[in-house]
Amino acid sequence: MHALNALFLGPLVALALAGCAGDPRPAPPQAAAATISTARYACDDGGFLSIQFLPDAAAVTLVDGSTATLARRATGSGLWYASEEFELRGSGDVATWTARGARPTSCLAT
């Protein structure tokens, strides 16, 4: 009888221990990939802006091919990015681009 108990209990104990062998901790959450979006704006002055929106900044490629990085600023709604040289504000498809010392230019997403 003792041999029968060992014969049946042995595999049951092995199965129970095998079920406990895995890592009981849940896998850590995957870091969300930084969202990057792009937009192109045609401006009233005949120029255009190509913008890559990063999590905390906007990389703006100007019509002459130069690039400016503007830091994101707090705003109640819409978008606002600025550097010492440039400012970009907008909402929806409409934006205003301002270069230091120049008049603001209205731009429309294309």
Protein backbone atom coordinates (compact mmCIF):
# COMPACT_ATOMS: atom_id res chain seq x y z
CA MET A 1 0.00 0.00 0.00
CA HIS A 2 2.86 2.33 0.84
CA ALA A 3 4.36 1.66 -2.60
CA LEU A 4 1.03 2.57 -4.29
CA ASN A 5 0.87 5.91 -2.46
CA ALA A 6 4.40 6.73 -3.60
CA LEU A 7 3.52 5.66 -7.14
CA PHE A 8 0.51 8.02 -7.32
CA LEU A 9 1.73 10.86 -5.12
CA GLY A 10 5.14 11.16 -6.78
CA PRO A 11 3.81 12.39 -10.16
CA LEU A 12 1.25 14.68 -8.46
CA VAL A 13 3.95 16.33 -6.37
CA ALA A 14 6.14 16.71 -9.48
CA LEU A 15 3.27 18.39 -11.38
CA ALA A 16 2.54 20.72 -8.49
CA LEU A 17 6.19 21.76 -8.24
CA ALA A 18 6.45 22.23 -12.00
CA GLY A 19 3.53 24.66 -11.86
CA CYS A 20 5.39 26.73 -9.28
CA ALA A 21 8.64 26.79 -11.23
CA GLY A 22 7.73 29.78 -13.43
CA ASP A 23 8.42 33.40 -12.53
CA PRO A 24 5.33 34.57 -10.60
CA ARG A 25 6.11 38.26 -11.17
CA PRO A 26 4.30 39.94 -14.05
CA ALA A 27 6.43 41.20 -16.90
CA PRO A 28 7.34 44.89 -16.59
CA PRO A 29 5.31 47.18 -18.83
CA GLN A 30 6.93 48.10 -22.12
CA ALA A 31 7.98 51.72 -22.39
CA ALA A 32 5.76 53.56 -24.79
CA ALA A 33 7.60 54.62 -27.90
CA ALA A 34 7.97 58.36 -28.16
CA THR A 35 5.34 59.65 -30.48
CA ILE A 36 6.74 61.64 -33.37
CA SER A 37 4.48 63.22 -35.94
CA THR A 38 5.25 65.43 -38.90
CA ALA A 39 3.42 68.25 -40.63
CA ARG A 40 4.04 70.61 -43.51
CA TYR A 41 2.71 74.15 -43.52
CA ALA A 42 2.40 76.56 -46.47
CA CYS A 43 2.74 80.15 -45.30
CA ASP A 44 1.27 83.42 -46.57
CA ASP A 45 4.73 84.78 -47.38
CA GLY A 46 5.23 82.01 -49.96
CA GLY A 47 7.47 79.93 -47.72
CA PHE A 48 6.81 76.59 -46.11
CA LEU A 49 7.71 74.82 -42.90
CA SER A 50 8.32 71.10 -42.42
CA ILE A 51 7.88 70.25 -38.77
CA GLN A 52 8.71 67.13 -36.82
CA PHE A 53 6.83 67.18 -33.51
CA LEU A 54 8.81 65.43 -30.78
CA PRO A 55 7.60 64.81 -27.21
CA ASP A 56 9.08 68.07 -25.83
CA ALA A 57 10.18 70.00 -28.90
CA ALA A 58 9.56 70.71 -32.56
CA ALA A 59 12.28 70.41 -35.20
CA VAL A 60 11.40 72.91 -37.93
CA THR A 61 12.99 72.77 -41.37
CA LEU A 62 12.77 76.15 -43.05
CA VAL A 63 12.44 76.90 -46.76
CA ASP A 64 16.22 77.50 -47.02
CA GLY A 65 16.90 74.01 -45.61
CA SER A 66 18.11 75.19 -42.21
CA THR A 67 16.68 73.56 -39.11
CA ALA A 68 15.57 75.15 -35.84
CA THR A 69 14.65 73.28 -32.66
CA LEU A 70 11.91 74.92 -30.63
CA ALA A 71 11.02 73.88 -27.08
CA ARG A 72 7.41 73.06 -26.27
CA ARG A 73 5.74 75.68 -24.08
CA ALA A 74 2.72 75.29 -21.81
CA THR A 75 -0.53 76.41 -23.40
CA GLY A 76 -4.21 76.03 -22.57
CA SER A 77 -4.97 74.65 -26.02
CA GLY A 78 -3.34 74.30 -29.39
CA LEU A 79 0.40 74.31 -29.83
CA TRP A 80 3.17 76.66 -28.80
CA TYR A 81 6.86 76.11 -29.45
CA ALA A 82 9.59 78.72 -29.08
CA SER A 83 13.31 79.38 -29.14
CA GLU A 84 15.28 82.60 -28.88
CA GLU A 85 14.94 83.07 -32.66
CA PHE A 86 11.53 81.62 -33.57
CA GLU A 87 8.01 81.01 -32.31
CA LEU A 88 5.30 78.69 -33.62
CA ARG A 89 1.74 78.92 -32.32
CA GLY A 90 -1.36 77.29 -33.67
CA SER A 91 -4.52 75.31 -33.37
CA GLY A 92 -5.87 72.74 -35.77
CA ASP A 93 -4.55 73.32 -39.30
CA VAL A 94 -3.68 76.99 -38.76
CA ALA A 95 -0.39 78.22 -37.29
CA THR A 96 1.51 81.46 -36.90
CA TRP A 97 5.26 81.47 -37.51
CA THR A 98 7.35 84.33 -36.17
CA ALA A 99 11.06 84.91 -36.69
CA ARG A 100 12.73 87.37 -34.34
CA GLY A 101 12.56 90.87 -35.79
CA ALA A 102 10.04 89.88 -38.50
CA ARG A 103 6.29 90.14 -38.80
CA PRO A 104 4.26 87.02 -37.89
CA THR A 105 3.27 84.86 -40.87
CA SER A 106 0.07 82.82 -41.08
CA CYS A 107 0.55 79.23 -42.21
CA LEU A 108 -1.85 76.44 -43.15
CA ALA A 109 -1.18 72.70 -42.86
CA THR A 110 -1.04 71.03 -46.27
